[in-house]
Amino acid sequence: MKNFILFIGLFSIIGCANPKKLHKMMDKLPEATAKECDQRFPIKETTDTFYTVDSNLLKAYEDEYTRLNVAIDSLLNEGCDTLYVEKIKEVIKTLPAKTNTKIVVKTQENTAKLEVLKNDCNKTIASLSQINNQNVTKIHDLELKNGKLNTRIAWMWIIIVCLTIFAFRRQILKLIIK
């Protein structure tokens, strides 16, 4: 029984994952770590609020103010008429209410998912650059082979011309001597 308890205690000490081991595992598997972070901490949100005012409504207020100002000035200069003052009060009460438009812009940023996508892009870029390097070396090898073949073809034509001259040397000499 003592051996069993000792074994369990020793196994639990060895099997524990301290922060150093955890960081090493995270360095070895960054994609899995980023996916886990994506699941645990999914979205970072920011909210911005803007207020806008209808410019047509402001123009209507200015026009109404100008008309009321002219009417009040004319009443003060002429003497006050109670009937006309009541009409002005009715006009003031019937002005449209001020409307503000509230625009809320919500921005969401998923940083863990962004890291996963960056890692995938880096892997794809690395594989594509490796394939590109292989293609470049193949093209270089083919250019070297092409150059060698061109020199061989040039030598072949030189040999054919020389052999033709050698085969017909007597006929050529007869033509030159005449």
N, C-alpha and C. Protein backbone atom coordinates (compact mmCIF):
# COMPACT_ATOMS: atom_id res chain seq x y z
N MET A 1 0.82 -1.20 0.00
CA MET A 1 0.00 0.00 0.00
C MET A 1 0.86 1.26 0.00
N LYS A 2 1.98 1.22 0.77
CA LYS A 2 2.88 2.37 0.82
C LYS A 2 3.49 2.61 -0.55
N ASN A 3 3.83 1.53 -1.25
CA ASN A 3 4.41 1.66 -2.58
C ASN A 3 3.42 2.28 -3.56
N PHE A 4 2.16 1.91 -3.41
CA PHE A 4 1.12 2.45 -4.30
C PHE A 4 0.97 3.95 -4.10
N ILE A 5 0.92 4.40 -2.83
CA ILE A 5 0.80 5.82 -2.53
C ILE A 5 2.04 6.57 -3.02
N LEU A 6 3.23 5.97 -2.81
CA LEU A 6 4.46 6.57 -3.30
C LEU A 6 4.45 6.69 -4.82
N PHE A 7 3.95 5.65 -5.49
CA PHE A 7 3.86 5.65 -6.96
C PHE A 7 2.90 6.74 -7.44
N ILE A 8 1.73 6.84 -6.80
CA ILE A 8 0.75 7.87 -7.18
C ILE A 8 1.34 9.26 -6.94
N GLY A 9 2.00 9.49 -5.83
CA GLY A 9 2.60 10.79 -5.54
C GLY A 9 3.69 11.14 -6.53
N LEU A 10 4.55 10.19 -6.86
CA LEU A 10 5.62 10.42 -7.82
C LEU A 10 5.05 10.70 -9.21
N PHE A 11 4.04 9.93 -9.59
CA PHE A 11 3.41 10.11 -10.91
C PHE A 11 2.74 11.47 -11.01
N SER A 12 2.09 11.92 -9.93
CA SER A 12 1.42 13.22 -9.97
C SER A 12 2.43 14.37 -10.04
N ILE A 13 3.60 14.20 -9.41
CA ILE A 13 4.63 15.24 -9.49
C ILE A 13 5.20 15.31 -10.89
N ILE A 14 5.45 14.17 -11.50
CA ILE A 14 6.01 14.14 -12.84
C ILE A 14 5.00 14.63 -13.87
N GLY A 15 3.73 14.29 -13.69
CA GLY A 15 2.71 14.60 -14.68
C GLY A 15 2.20 16.03 -14.65
N CYS A 16 2.55 16.82 -13.65
CA CYS A 16 2.06 18.20 -13.56
C CYS A 16 2.67 19.05 -14.67
N ALA A 17 1.90 19.98 -15.16
CA ALA A 17 2.37 20.91 -16.19
C ALA A 17 2.60 22.26 -15.53
N ASN A 18 3.85 22.58 -15.29
CA ASN A 18 4.17 23.88 -14.71
C ASN A 18 4.16 24.93 -15.83
N PRO A 19 4.24 26.20 -15.50
CA PRO A 19 4.17 27.24 -16.54
C PRO A 19 5.26 27.12 -17.60
N LYS A 20 6.48 26.66 -17.20
CA LYS A 20 7.55 26.52 -18.19
C LYS A 20 7.18 25.48 -19.25
N LYS A 21 6.65 24.33 -18.79
CA LYS A 21 6.25 23.29 -19.73
C LYS A 21 5.12 23.78 -20.61
N LEU A 22 4.20 24.52 -20.02
CA LEU A 22 3.07 25.04 -20.77
C LEU A 22 3.55 26.00 -21.86
N HIS A 23 4.50 26.89 -21.53
CA HIS A 23 5.02 27.82 -22.53
C HIS A 23 5.77 27.09 -23.63
N LYS A 24 6.51 26.04 -23.28
CA LYS A 24 7.20 25.27 -24.31
C LYS A 24 6.20 24.61 -25.26
N MET A 25 5.13 24.05 -24.68
CA MET A 25 4.11 23.42 -25.53
C MET A 25 3.43 24.46 -26.41
N MET A 26 3.20 25.66 -25.87
CA MET A 26 2.58 26.71 -26.67
C MET A 26 3.50 27.15 -27.79
N ASP A 27 4.82 27.17 -27.55
CA ASP A 27 5.77 27.54 -28.61
C ASP A 27 5.83 26.48 -29.70
N LYS A 28 5.66 25.22 -29.32
CA LYS A 28 5.71 24.13 -30.30
C LYS A 28 4.45 24.09 -31.15
N LEU A 29 3.32 24.43 -30.58
CA LEU A 29 2.04 24.36 -31.30
C LEU A 29 1.33 25.72 -31.27
N PRO A 30 1.83 26.70 -32.04
CA PRO A 30 1.19 28.04 -31.98
C PRO A 30 -0.20 28.06 -32.58
N GLU A 31 -0.46 27.22 -33.59
CA GLU A 31 -1.80 27.22 -34.22
C GLU A 31 -2.85 26.73 -33.22
N ALA A 32 -2.53 25.65 -32.51
CA ALA A 32 -3.48 25.11 -31.54
C ALA A 32 -3.70 26.11 -30.41
N THR A 33 -2.63 26.79 -30.00
CA THR A 33 -2.76 27.80 -28.95
C THR A 33 -3.63 28.95 -29.41
N ALA A 34 -3.42 29.40 -30.64
CA ALA A 34 -4.22 30.51 -31.16
C ALA A 34 -5.69 30.10 -31.30
N LYS A 35 -5.93 28.87 -31.73
CA LYS A 35 -7.32 28.39 -31.84
C LYS A 35 -7.98 28.34 -30.47
N GLU A 36 -7.23 27.89 -29.46
CA GLU A 36 -7.77 27.82 -28.11
C GLU A 36 -8.08 29.23 -27.61
N CYS A 37 -7.17 30.17 -27.87
CA CYS A 37 -7.43 31.56 -27.47
C CYS A 37 -8.63 32.13 -28.22
N ASP A 38 -8.77 31.73 -29.49
CA ASP A 38 -9.92 32.18 -30.29
C ASP A 38 -11.22 31.71 -29.64
N GLN A 39 -11.22 30.50 -29.12
CA GLN A 39 -12.44 29.98 -28.50
C GLN A 39 -12.69 30.61 -27.14
N ARG A 40 -11.62 30.85 -26.38
CA ARG A 40 -11.81 31.39 -25.04
C ARG A 40 -12.01 32.90 -25.03
N PHE A 41 -11.31 33.61 -25.90
CA PHE A 41 -11.39 35.08 -25.95
C PHE A 41 -11.75 35.50 -27.36
N PRO A 42 -13.00 35.35 -27.77
CA PRO A 42 -13.32 35.46 -29.19
C PRO A 42 -13.26 36.85 -29.80
N ILE A 43 -13.85 37.87 -29.19
CA ILE A 43 -14.04 39.11 -29.94
C ILE A 43 -13.71 40.31 -29.05
N LYS A 44 -13.04 41.28 -29.65
CA LYS A 44 -12.76 42.55 -28.99
C LYS A 44 -13.62 43.61 -29.69
N GLU A 45 -14.50 44.25 -28.93
CA GLU A 45 -15.45 45.19 -29.53
C GLU A 45 -15.13 46.62 -29.10
N THR A 46 -15.32 47.52 -30.02
CA THR A 46 -15.27 48.95 -29.70
C THR A 46 -16.52 49.60 -30.29
N THR A 47 -17.05 50.57 -29.60
CA THR A 47 -18.28 51.22 -30.03
C THR A 47 -18.04 52.73 -30.13
N ASP A 48 -18.39 53.30 -31.26
CA ASP A 48 -18.30 54.74 -31.46
C ASP A 48 -19.71 55.28 -31.74
N THR A 49 -20.02 56.45 -31.18
CA THR A 49 -21.34 57.05 -31.36
C THR A 49 -21.18 58.42 -32.01
N PHE A 50 -21.97 58.66 -33.04
CA PHE A 50 -21.97 59.94 -33.75
C PHE A 50 -23.38 60.51 -33.72
N TYR A 51 -23.48 61.83 -33.56
CA TYR A 51 -24.77 62.49 -33.63
C TYR A 51 -24.79 63.37 -34.87
N THR A 52 -25.88 63.27 -35.62
CA THR A 52 -26.04 64.12 -36.78
C THR A 52 -27.35 64.89 -36.66
N VAL A 53 -27.37 66.07 -37.22
CA VAL A 53 -28.57 66.91 -37.19
C VAL A 53 -28.97 67.16 -38.64
N ASP A 54 -30.25 67.08 -38.89
CA ASP A 54 -30.76 67.30 -40.24
C ASP A 54 -30.58 68.77 -40.61
N SER A 55 -29.86 69.05 -41.68
CA SER A 55 -29.58 70.44 -42.08
C SER A 55 -30.85 71.13 -42.58
N ASN A 56 -31.76 70.39 -43.17
CA ASN A 56 -33.03 71.00 -43.62
C ASN A 56 -33.83 71.49 -42.42
N LEU A 57 -33.79 70.74 -41.34
CA LEU A 57 -34.51 71.14 -40.13
C LEU A 57 -33.89 72.41 -39.54
N LEU A 58 -32.57 72.50 -39.55
CA LEU A 58 -31.92 73.71 -39.06
C LEU A 58 -32.30 74.92 -39.91
N LYS A 59 -32.36 74.74 -41.22
CA LYS A 59 -32.76 75.82 -42.12
C LYS A 59 -34.20 76.26 -41.81
N ALA A 60 -35.08 75.28 -41.53
CA ALA A 60 -36.48 75.60 -41.19
C ALA A 60 -36.53 76.41 -39.90
N TYR A 61 -35.71 76.03 -38.90
CA TYR A 61 -35.67 76.79 -37.65
C TYR A 61 -35.21 78.23 -37.89
N GLU A 62 -34.19 78.39 -38.72
CA GLU A 62 -33.68 79.73 -38.99
C GLU A 62 -34.75 80.58 -39.70
N ASP A 63 -35.44 79.99 -40.67
CA ASP A 63 -36.50 80.73 -41.37
C ASP A 63 -37.61 81.14 -40.42
N GLU A 64 -38.01 80.20 -39.54
CA GLU A 64 -39.09 80.47 -38.60
C GLU A 64 -38.67 81.56 -37.61
N TYR A 65 -37.43 81.50 -37.16
CA TYR A 65 -36.91 82.52 -36.24
C TYR A 65 -36.91 83.89 -36.90
N THR A 66 -36.50 83.94 -38.17
CA THR A 66 -36.47 85.22 -38.88
C THR A 66 -37.87 85.80 -39.00
N ARG A 67 -38.86 84.95 -39.36
CA ARG A 67 -40.23 85.45 -39.49
C ARG A 67 -40.78 85.94 -38.16
N LEU A 68 -40.52 85.19 -37.07
CA LEU A 68 -41.00 85.60 -35.75
C LEU A 68 -40.32 86.89 -35.29
N ASN A 69 -39.03 87.02 -35.60
CA ASN A 69 -38.29 88.21 -35.21
C ASN A 69 -38.87 89.45 -35.91
N VAL A 70 -39.19 89.30 -37.20
CA VAL A 70 -39.78 90.42 -37.95
C VAL A 70 -41.16 90.76 -37.37
N ALA A 71 -41.96 89.74 -37.04
CA ALA A 71 -43.30 89.99 -36.50
C ALA A 71 -43.22 90.67 -35.14
N ILE A 72 -42.30 90.21 -34.29
CA ILE A 72 -42.18 90.81 -32.95
C ILE A 72 -41.69 92.24 -33.06
N ASP A 73 -40.73 92.49 -33.97
CA ASP A 73 -40.24 93.86 -34.14
C ASP A 73 -41.36 94.78 -34.62
N SER A 74 -42.17 94.28 -35.54
CA SER A 74 -43.26 95.13 -36.03
C SER A 74 -44.29 95.37 -34.94
N LEU A 75 -44.55 94.40 -34.08
CA LEU A 75 -45.50 94.61 -32.97
C LEU A 75 -44.97 95.61 -31.95
N LEU A 76 -43.67 95.51 -31.68
CA LEU A 76 -43.10 96.44 -30.70
C LEU A 76 -43.10 97.87 -31.24
N ASN A 77 -42.88 98.01 -32.53
CA ASN A 77 -42.87 99.36 -33.11
C ASN A 77 -44.27 99.93 -33.21
N GLU A 78 -45.29 99.15 -33.46
CA GLU A 78 -46.64 99.61 -33.69
C GLU A 78 -47.46 99.68 -32.42
N GLY A 79 -47.10 98.92 -31.48
CA GLY A 79 -47.95 98.77 -30.31
C GLY A 79 -48.47 97.34 -30.32
N CYS A 80 -48.70 96.80 -29.18
CA CYS A 80 -48.97 95.36 -29.09
C CYS A 80 -50.43 95.06 -29.33
N ASP A 81 -50.71 94.09 -30.16
CA ASP A 81 -52.06 93.60 -30.42
C ASP A 81 -52.16 92.21 -29.82
N THR A 82 -53.08 91.98 -28.91
CA THR A 82 -53.15 90.71 -28.19
C THR A 82 -53.48 89.56 -29.13
N LEU A 83 -54.32 89.80 -30.14
CA LEU A 83 -54.69 88.75 -31.07
C LEU A 83 -53.47 88.27 -31.85
N TYR A 84 -52.65 89.19 -32.25
CA TYR A 84 -51.47 88.85 -33.02
C TYR A 84 -50.45 88.12 -32.15
N VAL A 85 -50.29 88.46 -30.89
CA VAL A 85 -49.37 87.80 -29.96
C VAL A 85 -49.80 86.35 -29.76
N GLU A 86 -51.10 86.10 -29.68
CA GLU A 86 -51.58 84.72 -29.52
C GLU A 86 -51.25 83.90 -30.76
N LYS A 87 -51.34 84.49 -31.95
CA LYS A 87 -50.96 83.78 -33.18
C LYS A 87 -49.48 83.41 -33.15
N ILE A 88 -48.66 84.33 -32.66
CA ILE A 88 -47.22 84.05 -32.57
C ILE A 88 -46.98 82.90 -31.61
N LYS A 89 -47.68 82.89 -30.47
CA LYS A 89 -47.52 81.79 -29.51
C LYS A 89 -47.93 80.46 -30.13
N GLU A 90 -48.98 80.45 -30.94
CA GLU A 90 -49.42 79.22 -31.61
C GLU A 90 -48.36 78.74 -32.59
N VAL A 91 -47.75 79.67 -33.33
CA VAL A 91 -46.71 79.30 -34.29
C VAL A 91 -45.51 78.72 -33.56
N ILE A 92 -45.15 79.31 -32.42
CA ILE A 92 -44.01 78.81 -31.66
C ILE A 92 -44.30 77.39 -31.16
N LYS A 93 -45.51 77.13 -30.72
CA LYS A 93 -45.86 75.80 -30.22
C LYS A 93 -45.87 74.76 -31.34
N THR A 94 -46.18 75.16 -32.57
CA THR A 94 -46.29 74.18 -33.66
C THR A 94 -44.98 73.94 -34.40
N LEU A 95 -43.87 74.54 -33.94
CA LEU A 95 -42.59 74.27 -34.58
C LEU A 95 -42.25 72.77 -34.44
N PRO A 96 -41.65 72.21 -35.44
CA PRO A 96 -41.31 70.79 -35.34
C PRO A 96 -40.25 70.56 -34.27
N ALA A 97 -40.28 69.38 -33.66
CA ALA A 97 -39.34 69.03 -32.61
C ALA A 97 -37.95 68.82 -33.21
N LYS A 98 -36.95 69.09 -32.43
CA LYS A 98 -35.58 68.93 -32.89
C LYS A 98 -35.26 67.43 -32.96
N THR A 99 -34.79 67.00 -34.11
CA THR A 99 -34.47 65.57 -34.26
C THR A 99 -32.97 65.41 -34.44
N ASN A 100 -32.41 64.62 -33.59
CA ASN A 100 -31.01 64.23 -33.70
C ASN A 100 -30.97 62.77 -34.13
N THR A 101 -30.10 62.47 -35.02
CA THR A 101 -29.94 61.09 -35.45
C THR A 101 -28.70 60.54 -34.77
N LYS A 102 -28.86 59.44 -34.08
CA LYS A 102 -27.75 58.82 -33.37
C LYS A 102 -27.27 57.62 -34.19
N ILE A 103 -26.01 57.64 -34.57
CA ILE A 103 -25.43 56.54 -35.34
C ILE A 103 -24.41 55.84 -34.45
N VAL A 104 -24.59 54.55 -34.25
CA VAL A 104 -23.67 53.76 -33.44
C VAL A 104 -22.89 52.84 -34.36
N VAL A 105 -21.58 52.95 -34.32
CA VAL A 105 -20.71 52.11 -35.14
C VAL A 105 -20.01 51.13 -34.21
N LYS A 106 -20.20 49.84 -34.47
CA LYS A 106 -19.61 48.80 -33.64
C LYS A 106 -18.52 48.12 -34.42
N THR A 107 -17.33 48.06 -33.87
CA THR A 107 -16.20 47.43 -34.54
C THR A 107 -15.80 46.20 -33.73
N GLN A 108 -15.68 45.07 -34.42
CA GLN A 108 -15.29 43.84 -33.74
C GLN A 108 -13.98 43.35 -34.34
N GLU A 109 -13.05 43.02 -33.48
CA GLU A 109 -11.77 42.52 -33.92
C GLU A 109 -11.48 41.21 -33.20
N ASN A 110 -11.28 40.17 -33.97
CA ASN A 110 -10.99 38.86 -33.41
C ASN A 110 -9.50 38.61 -33.59
N THR A 111 -8.72 38.97 -32.57
CA THR A 111 -7.27 38.92 -32.70
C THR A 111 -6.73 37.50 -32.76
N ALA A 112 -7.32 36.58 -32.03
CA ALA A 112 -6.83 35.20 -32.05
C ALA A 112 -7.04 34.58 -33.43
N LYS A 113 -8.21 34.82 -34.00
CA LYS A 113 -8.48 34.29 -35.33
C LYS A 113 -7.55 34.93 -36.36
N LEU A 114 -7.23 36.21 -36.16
CA LEU A 114 -6.29 36.90 -37.04
C LEU A 114 -4.91 36.25 -36.97
N GLU A 115 -4.48 35.86 -35.78
CA GLU A 115 -3.18 35.18 -35.64
C GLU A 115 -3.19 33.83 -36.33
N VAL A 116 -4.31 33.10 -36.22
CA VAL A 116 -4.42 31.79 -36.90
C VAL A 116 -4.30 32.00 -38.41
N LEU A 117 -4.99 33.00 -38.94
CA LEU A 117 -4.92 33.28 -40.37
C LEU A 117 -3.53 33.73 -40.80
N LYS A 118 -2.86 34.52 -39.96
CA LYS A 118 -1.49 34.94 -40.28
C LYS A 118 -0.56 33.73 -40.35
N ASN A 119 -0.71 32.81 -39.38
CA ASN A 119 0.13 31.61 -39.39
C ASN A 119 -0.13 30.77 -40.64
N ASP A 120 -1.40 30.62 -41.01
CA ASP A 120 -1.73 29.87 -42.23
C ASP A 120 -1.14 30.56 -43.46
N CYS A 121 -1.22 31.88 -43.52
CA CYS A 121 -0.65 32.62 -44.65
C CYS A 121 0.87 32.45 -44.70
N ASN A 122 1.51 32.51 -43.54
CA ASN A 122 2.97 32.34 -43.51
C ASN A 122 3.37 30.94 -43.99
N LYS A 123 2.61 29.91 -43.59
CA LYS A 123 2.90 28.56 -44.06
C LYS A 123 2.71 28.46 -45.57
N THR A 124 1.64 29.05 -46.08
CA THR A 124 1.38 29.02 -47.52
C THR A 124 2.46 29.77 -48.28
N ILE A 125 2.88 30.91 -47.77
CA ILE A 125 3.94 31.69 -48.42
C ILE A 125 5.24 30.90 -48.42
N ALA A 126 5.54 30.23 -47.31
CA ALA A 126 6.77 29.43 -47.24
C ALA A 126 6.75 28.30 -48.26
N SER A 127 5.61 27.60 -48.35
CA SER A 127 5.53 26.50 -49.32
C SER A 127 5.60 27.02 -50.76
N LEU A 128 4.96 28.16 -51.03
CA LEU A 128 5.01 28.73 -52.38
C LEU A 128 6.42 29.21 -52.74
N SER A 129 7.13 29.77 -51.77
CA SER A 129 8.49 30.21 -52.06
C SER A 129 9.40 29.01 -52.29
N GLN A 130 9.17 27.91 -51.58
CA GLN A 130 9.96 26.69 -51.81
C GLN A 130 9.69 26.14 -53.21
N ILE A 131 8.43 26.12 -53.61
CA ILE A 131 8.07 25.65 -54.95
C ILE A 131 8.68 26.58 -56.00
N ASN A 132 8.66 27.89 -55.74
CA ASN A 132 9.24 28.86 -56.67
C ASN A 132 10.74 28.63 -56.80
N ASN A 133 11.42 28.38 -55.70
CA ASN A 133 12.87 28.12 -55.76
C ASN A 133 13.16 26.85 -56.57
N GLN A 134 12.34 25.83 -56.39
CA GLN A 134 12.53 24.60 -57.16
C GLN A 134 12.33 24.88 -58.65
N ASN A 135 11.33 25.65 -58.99
CA ASN A 135 11.08 25.98 -60.40
C ASN A 135 12.23 26.80 -60.99
N VAL A 136 12.77 27.72 -60.20
CA VAL A 136 13.89 28.53 -60.68
C VAL A 136 15.10 27.66 -60.96
N THR A 137 15.39 26.71 -60.07
CA THR A 137 16.54 25.81 -60.31
C THR A 137 16.30 24.93 -61.52
N LYS A 138 15.07 24.47 -61.71
CA LYS A 138 14.76 23.66 -62.90
C LYS A 138 14.96 24.48 -64.18
N ILE A 139 14.49 25.72 -64.15
CA ILE A 139 14.65 26.59 -65.33
C ILE A 139 16.13 26.83 -65.61
N HIS A 140 16.91 27.03 -64.58
CA HIS A 140 18.35 27.25 -64.76
C HIS A 140 19.02 26.01 -65.37
N ASP A 141 18.63 24.83 -64.86
CA ASP A 141 19.18 23.58 -65.42
C ASP A 141 18.80 23.41 -66.89
N LEU A 142 17.55 23.73 -67.21
CA LEU A 142 17.10 23.61 -68.60
C LEU A 142 17.83 24.61 -69.50
N GLU A 143 18.11 25.81 -69.00
CA GLU A 143 18.86 26.78 -69.80
C GLU A 143 20.28 26.29 -70.06
N LEU A 144 20.90 25.66 -69.07
CA LEU A 144 22.24 25.10 -69.27
C LEU A 144 22.22 23.98 -70.32
N LYS A 145 21.22 23.10 -70.21
CA LYS A 145 21.10 22.02 -71.20
C LYS A 145 20.86 22.59 -72.60
N ASN A 146 20.06 23.61 -72.70
CA ASN A 146 19.77 24.25 -73.99
C ASN A 146 21.05 24.84 -74.58
N GLY A 147 21.86 25.48 -73.75
CA GLY A 147 23.13 26.03 -74.24
C GLY A 147 24.06 24.94 -74.74
N LYS A 148 24.14 23.83 -74.00
CA LYS A 148 24.98 22.71 -74.43
C LYS A 148 24.49 22.13 -75.75
N LEU A 149 23.16 21.98 -75.88
CA LEU A 149 22.60 21.44 -77.13
C LEU A 149 22.88 22.38 -78.30
N ASN A 150 22.79 23.68 -78.08
CA ASN A 150 23.08 24.64 -79.15
C ASN A 150 24.53 24.54 -79.61
N THR A 151 25.46 24.39 -78.67
CA THR A 151 26.87 24.23 -79.08
C THR A 151 27.08 22.92 -79.83
N ARG A 152 26.42 21.86 -79.41
CA ARG A 152 26.53 20.57 -80.11
C ARG A 152 25.99 20.68 -81.53
N ILE A 153 24.85 21.37 -81.68
CA ILE A 153 24.27 21.55 -83.03
C ILE A 153 25.21 22.36 -83.90
N ALA A 154 25.86 23.40 -83.36
CA ALA A 154 26.80 24.21 -84.14
C ALA A 154 27.99 23.35 -84.58
N TRP A 155 28.55 22.56 -83.69
CA TRP A 155 29.65 21.67 -84.06
C TRP A 155 29.23 20.63 -85.08
N MET A 156 27.98 20.13 -84.95
CA MET A 156 27.49 19.14 -85.92
C MET A 156 27.45 19.75 -87.32
N TRP A 157 26.96 21.03 -87.43
CA TRP A 157 26.91 21.68 -88.74
C TRP A 157 28.32 21.95 -89.30
N ILE A 158 29.23 22.28 -88.42
CA ILE A 158 30.62 22.49 -88.87
C ILE A 158 31.20 21.18 -89.41
N ILE A 159 30.95 20.08 -88.72
CA ILE A 159 31.45 18.77 -89.17
C ILE A 159 30.79 18.38 -90.49
N ILE A 160 29.47 18.61 -90.61
CA ILE A 160 28.77 18.26 -91.86
C ILE A 160 29.34 19.07 -93.02
N VAL A 161 29.57 20.37 -92.83
CA VAL A 161 30.12 21.21 -93.89
C VAL A 161 31.52 20.73 -94.26
N CYS A 162 32.35 20.42 -93.25
CA CYS A 162 33.71 19.94 -93.53
C CYS A 162 33.70 18.61 -94.27
N LEU A 163 32.83 17.69 -93.85
CA LEU A 163 32.75 16.38 -94.53
C LEU A 163 32.24 16.53 -95.96
N THR A 164 31.30 17.46 -96.17
CA THR A 164 30.79 17.69 -97.52
C THR A 164 31.90 18.25 -98.40
N ILE A 165 32.66 19.20 -97.88
CA ILE A 165 33.78 19.75 -98.65
C ILE A 165 34.81 18.67 -98.95
N PHE A 166 35.09 17.83 -97.94
CA PHE A 166 36.07 16.76 -98.14
C PHE A 166 35.58 15.74 -99.18
N ALA A 167 34.26 15.42 -99.15
CA ALA A 167 33.73 14.43 -100.09
C ALA A 167 33.75 14.97 -101.53
N PHE A 168 33.52 16.24 -101.71
CA PHE A 168 33.48 16.82 -103.04
C PHE A 168 34.72 17.69 -103.33
N ARG A 169 35.84 17.36 -102.73
CA ARG A 169 37.05 18.18 -102.88
C ARG A 169 37.55 18.22 -104.32
N ARG A 170 37.49 17.09 -105.04
CA ARG A 170 37.98 17.07 -106.43
C ARG A 170 37.12 17.95 -107.32
N GLN A 171 35.80 17.88 -107.17
CA GLN A 171 34.91 18.70 -107.99
C GLN A 171 35.10 20.19 -107.64
N ILE A 172 35.32 20.47 -106.39
CA ILE A 172 35.50 21.84 -105.96
C ILE A 172 36.83 22.39 -106.52
N LEU A 173 37.88 21.59 -106.49
CA LEU A 173 39.18 22.01 -107.01
C LEU A 173 39.10 22.24 -108.53
N LYS A 174 38.38 21.39 -109.22
CA LYS A 174 38.23 21.55 -110.68
C LYS A 174 37.54 22.89 -110.98
N LEU A 175 36.53 23.25 -110.20
CA LEU A 175 35.81 24.51 -110.41
C LEU A 175 36.70 25.71 -110.08
N ILE A 176 37.50 25.59 -109.08
CA ILE A 176 38.35 26.70 -108.69
C ILE A 176 39.49 26.91 -109.71
N ILE A 177 40.07 25.80 -110.21
CA ILE A 177 41.19 25.91 -111.14
C ILE A 177 40.73 26.46 -112.47
N LYS A 178 39.59 26.14 -112.93
CA LYS A 178 39.13 26.64 -114.24
C LYS A 178 38.96 28.06 -114.18
